[in-house]
Protein backbone atom coordinates (compact mmCIF):
# COMPACT_ATOMS: atom_id res chain seq x y z
CA MET A 1 21.59 0.52 23.63
CA SER A 2 20.56 1.91 20.28
CA GLU A 3 19.77 5.57 19.94
CA ILE A 4 16.02 6.24 19.80
CA PRO A 5 14.98 9.71 18.58
CA GLY A 6 12.18 11.26 20.62
CA ASP A 7 10.09 12.42 17.65
CA LEU A 8 9.42 8.93 16.29
CA LYS A 9 6.78 6.25 16.84
CA PHE A 10 7.55 2.54 16.51
CA LEU A 11 6.19 -0.90 15.82
CA LYS A 12 7.44 -3.80 17.95
CA SER A 13 8.81 -5.24 14.68
CA HIS A 14 11.33 -2.33 14.63
CA GLU A 15 9.85 -0.01 11.99
CA TRP A 16 9.75 3.70 12.83
CA ALA A 17 7.31 6.39 11.73
CA ARG A 18 7.94 10.14 11.73
CA VAL A 19 4.76 12.19 11.42
CA GLU A 20 5.63 15.10 9.14
CA GLY A 21 2.59 17.21 10.02
CA ASN A 22 1.24 17.44 6.46
CA GLY A 23 -0.70 14.20 6.61
CA ARG A 24 2.41 12.29 5.62
CA VAL A 25 4.52 9.85 7.58
CA THR A 26 8.10 8.88 6.78
CA VAL A 27 8.96 5.24 7.53
CA GLY A 28 12.18 3.31 8.04
CA ILE A 29 13.66 0.57 10.20
CA SER A 30 15.20 1.26 13.58
CA ASP A 31 18.87 1.47 14.40
CA HIS A 32 18.36 -1.62 16.56
CA ALA A 33 16.94 -3.55 13.56
CA GLN A 34 19.77 -2.61 11.21
CA GLY A 35 22.23 -3.61 13.92
CA LEU A 36 20.61 -7.04 14.24
CA LEU A 37 20.58 -7.52 10.47
CA GLY A 38 24.15 -6.43 9.88
CA ASP A 39 25.39 -5.04 6.57
CA LEU A 40 22.46 -4.49 4.25
CA VAL A 41 23.02 -5.52 0.65
CA TYR A 42 19.56 -5.09 -0.89
CA VAL A 43 16.37 -3.15 -0.27
CA GLU A 44 13.05 -3.84 -2.01
CA LEU A 45 10.87 -0.75 -1.68
CA PRO A 46 7.14 -0.43 -2.34
CA GLU A 47 5.94 1.23 -5.53
CA VAL A 48 4.77 4.84 -5.40
CA GLY A 49 0.98 4.64 -5.39
CA ALA A 50 0.92 1.31 -3.52
CA ASP A 51 -1.54 0.92 -0.67
CA ALA A 52 0.11 0.55 2.71
CA LYS A 53 -1.83 -1.29 5.40
CA ALA A 54 -0.87 -0.95 9.05
CA GLY A 55 0.92 -4.06 10.27
CA GLU A 56 1.25 -5.61 6.81
CA GLN A 57 4.47 -6.38 4.96
CA ILE A 58 5.37 -3.66 2.44
CA ALA A 59 9.11 -3.87 1.83
CA VAL A 60 12.09 -6.20 2.26
CA VAL A 61 15.63 -5.60 3.47
CA GLU A 62 18.37 -8.16 2.91
CA SER A 63 21.66 -8.37 4.70
CA VAL A 64 24.55 -10.77 4.38
CA LYS A 65 22.86 -12.70 7.22
CA ALA A 66 19.15 -12.71 6.39
CA ALA A 67 16.21 -11.22 4.55
CA SER A 68 13.63 -9.46 6.65
CA ASP A 69 10.16 -8.16 5.90
CA VAL A 70 9.41 -4.52 6.64
CA TYR A 71 5.90 -3.76 7.90
CA SER A 72 4.04 -0.52 7.42
CA PRO A 73 3.32 1.19 10.74
CA ILE A 74 0.31 3.00 9.27
CA SER A 75 -2.23 2.77 6.46
CA GLY A 76 -2.36 5.02 3.44
CA LYS A 77 -0.88 5.53 0.00
CA VAL A 78 2.85 5.41 -0.69
CA VAL A 79 3.71 8.84 -2.11
CA GLU A 80 7.50 8.70 -2.13
CA VAL A 81 10.28 6.11 -1.89
CA ASN A 82 13.95 6.56 -1.13
CA SER A 83 15.23 5.21 -4.45
CA ALA A 84 18.82 6.06 -3.46
CA LEU A 85 18.70 2.95 -1.26
CA SER A 86 18.62 0.75 -4.38
CA ASP A 87 22.23 1.71 -5.08
CA LYS A 88 23.30 2.22 -1.46
CA PRO A 89 21.31 -0.02 0.92
CA GLU A 90 24.08 0.44 3.48
CA THR A 91 22.76 3.98 4.02
CA ILE A 92 20.26 2.35 6.42
CA ASN A 93 23.19 0.95 8.43
CA GLU A 94 24.89 4.33 8.49
CA ASP A 95 21.89 6.59 9.20
CA ALA A 96 18.77 4.56 10.02
CA TYR A 97 16.76 7.57 11.21
CA GLY A 98 17.99 10.09 8.63
CA GLU A 99 19.17 9.37 5.08
CA GLY A 100 18.18 5.73 5.55
CA TRP A 101 14.43 6.43 5.48
CA MET A 102 12.57 4.02 3.21
CA PHE A 103 9.23 5.47 2.10
CA VAL A 104 6.58 8.12 2.79
CA VAL A 105 2.89 7.31 3.27
CA GLU A 106 0.00 9.73 3.02
CA LEU A 107 -2.11 8.80 6.04
CA SER A 108 -5.59 7.46 5.50
CA ASN A 109 -6.30 7.14 9.24
CA ALA A 110 -4.45 9.53 11.55
CA GLU A 111 -5.75 7.62 14.60
CA GLU A 112 -3.37 4.74 13.78
CA VAL A 113 -0.43 6.90 14.81
CA ASN A 114 -1.75 6.84 18.38
CA GLU A 115 -1.55 3.05 18.41
CA LEU A 116 2.20 3.04 17.74
CA LEU A 117 4.80 2.79 20.49
CA ASP A 118 6.39 5.99 21.74
CA PRO A 119 10.20 5.97 22.15
CA ASP A 120 10.01 4.94 25.82
CA ALA A 121 7.64 2.05 25.12
CA TYR A 122 9.86 0.94 22.22
CA ALA A 123 12.96 1.09 24.44
CA GLU A 124 11.11 -1.00 27.01
CA ALA A 125 10.13 -3.54 24.33
CA LEU A 126 13.79 -3.77 23.28
CA GLU A 127 14.90 -4.36 26.87
CA ASN A 128 12.31 -7.12 27.23
CA ASP A 129 13.56 -8.68 23.98
CA ASP A 130 17.08 -8.78 25.32
CA HIS A 131 16.12 -10.83 28.39
């Protein structure tokens, strides 16, 4: 079972969101997702200033096995991207919830955070996926 930090919210499509408390949310893909994808070889990040829409594709990760869309868990404006991933996409494999973060969104609707899965609900969704 993948580790699931208690301070995160999730989409069923395996993106995580960490509310930073300043109206910003850091986003990445879960440890489970990077494990399914295998060794990541490329990350396409959104542009700073791009509009993120909850549930819509905003980035792409590619592994030796497959390319996978990354969906934004919340709506707002992209204010920061983890450009270090361009040179070292494997950082997501090594530290999905830490140095492997992908981008930061300034929330336009804080209510959307309440619609995301909490860690227990995400763990339950993963268990249901495995059956």
